Amino acid sequence: MKQKLKHNLNKYVENGKLEQGLYKVSHKIRDKKEKIILSMLARS
């Protein structure tokens, strides 16, 4: 997972789109965390 995110970031950096890449990657991470939290809440 981390490897893939790094690969995506490198791709963005090469294209000179670091800001956009960081934004997208951070969104993916946040979405994932939110899903985990929601699933934990749903179980309790």
PDB file of N, CA and C in Angstrom:
ATOM      1  N   MET A   1       0.835  -1.201   0.000  1.00  0.00           N
ATOM      2  CA  MET A   1       0.000   0.000   0.000  1.00  0.00           C
ATOM      3  C   MET A   1       0.874   1.258   0.000  1.00  0.00           C
ATOM      4  N   LYS A   2       1.789   1.323   0.986  1.00  0.00           N
ATOM      5  CA  LYS A   2       2.672   2.491   1.067  1.00  0.00           C
ATOM      6  C   LYS A   2       3.518   2.620  -0.194  1.00  0.00           C
ATOM      7  N   GLN A   3       3.967   1.480  -0.708  1.00  0.00           N
ATOM      8  CA  GLN A   3       4.804   1.475  -1.904  1.00  0.00           C
ATOM      9  C   GLN A   3       4.047   2.098  -3.069  1.00  0.00           C
ATOM     10  N   LYS A   4       2.763   1.746  -3.182  1.00  0.00           N
ATOM     11  CA  LYS A   4       1.958   2.255  -4.285  1.00  0.00           C
ATOM     12  C   LYS A   4       1.775   3.766  -4.156  1.00  0.00           C
ATOM     13  N   LEU A   5       1.517   4.229  -2.939  1.00  0.00           N
ATOM     14  CA  LEU A   5       1.357   5.667  -2.722  1.00  0.00           C
ATOM     15  C   LEU A   5       2.636   6.407  -3.091  1.00  0.00           C
ATOM     16  N   LYS A   6       3.775   5.840  -2.692  1.00  0.00           N
ATOM     17  CA  LYS A   6       5.069   6.451  -3.025  1.00  0.00           C
ATOM     18  C   LYS A   6       5.245   6.519  -4.532  1.00  0.00           C
ATOM     19  N   HIS A   7       4.888   5.448  -5.205  1.00  0.00           N
ATOM     20  CA  HIS A   7       5.015   5.384  -6.659  1.00  0.00           C
ATOM     21  C   HIS A   7       4.150   6.469  -7.301  1.00  0.00           C
ATOM     22  N   ASN A   8       2.912   6.609  -6.803  1.00  0.00           N
ATOM     23  CA  ASN A   8       2.014   7.639  -7.330  1.00  0.00           C
ATOM     24  C   ASN A   8       2.592   9.029  -7.109  1.00  0.00           C
ATOM     25  N   LEU A   9       3.139   9.253  -5.918  1.00  0.00           N
ATOM     26  CA  LEU A   9       3.737  10.561  -5.611  1.00  0.00           C
ATOM     27  C   LEU A   9       4.892  10.857  -6.552  1.00  0.00           C
ATOM     28  N   ASN A  10       5.748   9.868  -6.777  1.00  0.00           N
ATOM     29  CA  ASN A  10       6.895  10.057  -7.668  1.00  0.00           C
ATOM     30  C   ASN A  10       6.438  10.426  -9.072  1.00  0.00           C
ATOM     31  N   LYS A  11       5.348   9.797  -9.505  1.00  0.00           N
ATOM     32  CA  LYS A  11       4.802  10.080 -10.825  1.00  0.00           C
ATOM     33  C   LYS A  11       4.373  11.549 -10.901  1.00  0.00           C
ATOM     34  N   TYR A  12       3.704  12.019  -9.849  1.00  0.00           N
ATOM     35  CA  TYR A  12       3.259  13.410  -9.827  1.00  0.00           C
ATOM     36  C   TYR A  12       4.443  14.368  -9.801  1.00  0.00           C
ATOM     37  N   VAL A  13       5.462  14.029  -9.015  1.00  0.00           N
ATOM     38  CA  VAL A  13       6.646  14.883  -8.899  1.00  0.00           C
ATOM     39  C   VAL A  13       7.306  15.036 -10.264  1.00  0.00           C
ATOM     40  N   GLU A  14       7.417  13.934 -10.998  1.00  0.00           N
ATOM     41  CA  GLU A  14       8.026  13.973 -12.328  1.00  0.00           C
ATOM     42  C   GLU A  14       7.252  14.901 -13.253  1.00  0.00           C
ATOM     43  N   ASN A  15       5.938  14.937 -13.082  1.00  0.00           N
ATOM     44  CA  ASN A  15       5.105  15.781 -13.938  1.00  0.00           C
ATOM     45  C   ASN A  15       4.993  17.201 -13.398  1.00  0.00           C
ATOM     46  N   GLY A  16       5.711  17.482 -12.305  1.00  0.00           N
ATOM     47  CA  GLY A  16       5.673  18.820 -11.732  1.00  0.00           C
ATOM     48  C   GLY A  16       4.352  19.140 -11.061  1.00  0.00           C
ATOM     49  N   LYS A  17       3.689  18.102 -10.578  1.00  0.00           N
ATOM     50  CA  LYS A  17       2.385  18.310  -9.942  1.00  0.00           C
ATOM     51  C   LYS A  17       2.428  17.841  -8.498  1.00  0.00           C
ATOM     52  N   LEU A  18       3.456  18.264  -7.772  1.00  0.00           N
ATOM     53  CA  LEU A  18       3.631  17.793  -6.399  1.00  0.00           C
ATOM     54  C   LEU A  18       2.433  18.139  -5.520  1.00  0.00           C
ATOM     55  N   GLU A  19       1.982  19.395  -5.595  1.00  0.00           N
ATOM     56  CA  GLU A  19       0.848  19.827  -4.764  1.00  0.00           C
ATOM     57  C   GLU A  19      -0.361  18.926  -5.005  1.00  0.00           C
ATOM     58  N   GLN A  20      -0.682  18.746  -6.270  1.00  0.00           N
ATOM     59  CA  GLN A  20      -1.838  17.934  -6.647  1.00  0.00           C
ATOM     60  C   GLN A  20      -1.664  16.492  -6.171  1.00  0.00           C
ATOM     61  N   GLY A  21      -0.459  15.980  -6.316  1.00  0.00           N
ATOM     62  CA  GLY A  21      -0.180  14.609  -5.898  1.00  0.00           C
ATOM     63  C   GLY A  21      -0.342  14.428  -4.407  1.00  0.00           C
ATOM     64  N   LEU A  22       0.224  15.350  -3.637  1.00  0.00           N
ATOM     65  CA  LEU A  22       0.105  15.275  -2.178  1.00  0.00           C
ATOM     66  C   LEU A  22      -1.354  15.361  -1.771  1.00  0.00           C
ATOM     67  N   TYR A  23      -2.089  16.240  -2.428  1.00  0.00           N
ATOM     68  CA  TYR A  23      -3.508  16.427  -2.123  1.00  0.00           C
ATOM     69  C   TYR A  23      -4.276  15.129  -2.352  1.00  0.00           C
ATOM     70  N   LYS A  24      -4.054  14.514  -3.508  1.00  0.00           N
ATOM     71  CA  LYS A  24      -4.754  13.266  -3.842  1.00  0.00           C
ATOM     72  C   LYS A  24      -4.381  12.155  -2.878  1.00  0.00           C
ATOM     73  N   VAL A  25      -3.088  12.007  -2.618  1.00  0.00           N
ATOM     74  CA  VAL A  25      -2.624  10.935  -1.741  1.00  0.00           C
ATOM     75  C   VAL A  25      -3.160  11.127  -0.327  1.00  0.00           C
ATOM     76  N   SER A  26      -3.124  12.376   0.157  1.00  0.00           N
ATOM     77  CA  SER A  26      -3.616  12.622   1.515  1.00  0.00           C
ATOM     78  C   SER A  26      -5.113  12.354   1.594  1.00  0.00           C
ATOM     79  N   HIS A  27      -5.825  12.631   0.508  1.00  0.00           N
ATOM     80  CA  HIS A  27      -7.257  12.337   0.484  1.00  0.00           C
ATOM     81  C   HIS A  27      -7.501  10.840   0.561  1.00  0.00           C
ATOM     82  N   LYS A  28      -6.704  10.077  -0.178  1.00  0.00           N
ATOM     83  CA  LYS A  28      -6.848   8.621  -0.159  1.00  0.00           C
ATOM     84  C   LYS A  28      -6.621   8.091   1.243  1.00  0.00           C
ATOM     85  N   ILE A  29      -5.576   8.603   1.898  1.00  0.00           N
ATOM     86  CA  ILE A  29      -5.255   8.141   3.246  1.00  0.00           C
ATOM     87  C   ILE A  29      -6.391   8.500   4.199  1.00  0.00           C
ATOM     88  N   ARG A  30      -6.897   9.736   4.087  1.00  0.00           N
ATOM     89  CA  ARG A  30      -7.959  10.171   4.991  1.00  0.00           C
ATOM     90  C   ARG A  30      -9.227   9.343   4.773  1.00  0.00           C
ATOM     91  N   ASP A  31      -9.571   9.106   3.514  1.00  0.00           N
ATOM     92  CA  ASP A  31     -10.751   8.295   3.213  1.00  0.00           C
ATOM     93  C   ASP A  31     -10.618   6.925   3.842  1.00  0.00           C
ATOM     94  N   LYS A  32      -9.435   6.343   3.737  1.00  0.00           N
ATOM     95  CA  LYS A  32      -9.191   5.012   4.283  1.00  0.00           C
ATOM     96  C   LYS A  32      -9.366   5.024   5.799  1.00  0.00           C
ATOM     97  N   LYS A  33      -8.792   6.046   6.461  1.00  0.00           N
ATOM     98  CA  LYS A  33      -8.919   6.160   7.917  1.00  0.00           C
ATOM     99  C   LYS A  33     -10.373   6.317   8.319  1.00  0.00           C
ATOM    100  N   GLU A  34     -11.116   7.143   7.577  1.00  0.00           N
ATOM    101  CA  GLU A  34     -12.529   7.359   7.890  1.00  0.00           C
ATOM    102  C   GLU A  34     -13.305   6.060   7.751  1.00  0.00           C
ATOM    103  N   LYS A  35     -13.022   5.288   6.727  1.00  0.00           N
ATOM    104  CA  LYS A  35     -13.710   4.010   6.532  1.00  0.00           C
ATOM    105  C   LYS A  35     -13.436   3.073   7.697  1.00  0.00           C
ATOM    106  N   ILE A  36     -12.173   3.036   8.144  1.00  0.00           N
ATOM    107  CA  ILE A  36     -11.800   2.172   9.265  1.00  0.00           C
ATOM    108  C   ILE A  36     -12.552   2.605  10.520  1.00  0.00           C
ATOM    109  N   ILE A  37     -12.575   3.917  10.785  1.00  0.00           N
ATOM    110  CA  ILE A  37     -13.265   4.434  11.970  1.00  0.00           C
ATOM    111  C   ILE A  37     -14.753   4.113  11.885  1.00  0.00           C
ATOM    112  N   LEU A  38     -15.348   4.339  10.725  1.00  0.00           N
ATOM    113  CA  LEU A  38     -16.774   4.061  10.556  1.00  0.00           C
ATOM    114  C   LEU A  38     -17.086   2.588  10.775  1.00  0.00           C
ATOM    115  N   SER A  39     -16.237   1.715  10.256  1.00  0.00           N
ATOM    116  CA  SER A  39     -16.486   0.281  10.416  1.00  0.00           C
ATOM    117  C   SER A  39     -16.330  -0.136  11.874  1.00  0.00           C
ATOM    118  N   MET A  40     -15.395   0.509  12.598  1.00  0.00           N
ATOM    119  CA  MET A  40     -15.225   0.207  14.020  1.00  0.00           C
ATOM    120  C   MET A  40     -16.453   0.661  14.804  1.00  0.00           C
ATOM    121  N   LEU A  41     -16.967   1.840  14.466  1.00  0.00           N
ATOM    122  CA  LEU A  41     -18.160   2.359  15.137  1.00  0.00           C
ATOM    123  C   LEU A  41     -19.361   1.466  14.849  1.00  0.00           C
ATOM    124  N   ALA A  42     -19.456   1.012  13.619  1.00  0.00           N
ATOM    125  CA  ALA A  42     -20.583   0.170  13.225  1.00  0.00           C
ATOM    126  C   ALA A  42     -20.588  -1.150  13.992  1.00  0.00           C
ATOM    127  N   ARG A  43     -19.399  -1.654  14.304  1.00  0.00           N
ATOM    128  CA  ARG A  43     -19.299  -2.935  15.013  1.00  0.00           C
ATOM    129  C   ARG A  43     -19.667  -2.812  16.487  1.00  0.00           C
ATOM    130  N   SER A  44     -19.344  -1.667  17.093  1.00  0.00           N
ATOM    131  CA  SER A  44     -19.572  -1.522  18.538  1.00  0.00           C
ATOM    132  C   SER A  44     -21.044  -1.362  18.894  1.00  0.00           C
TER     133      SER A  44
END
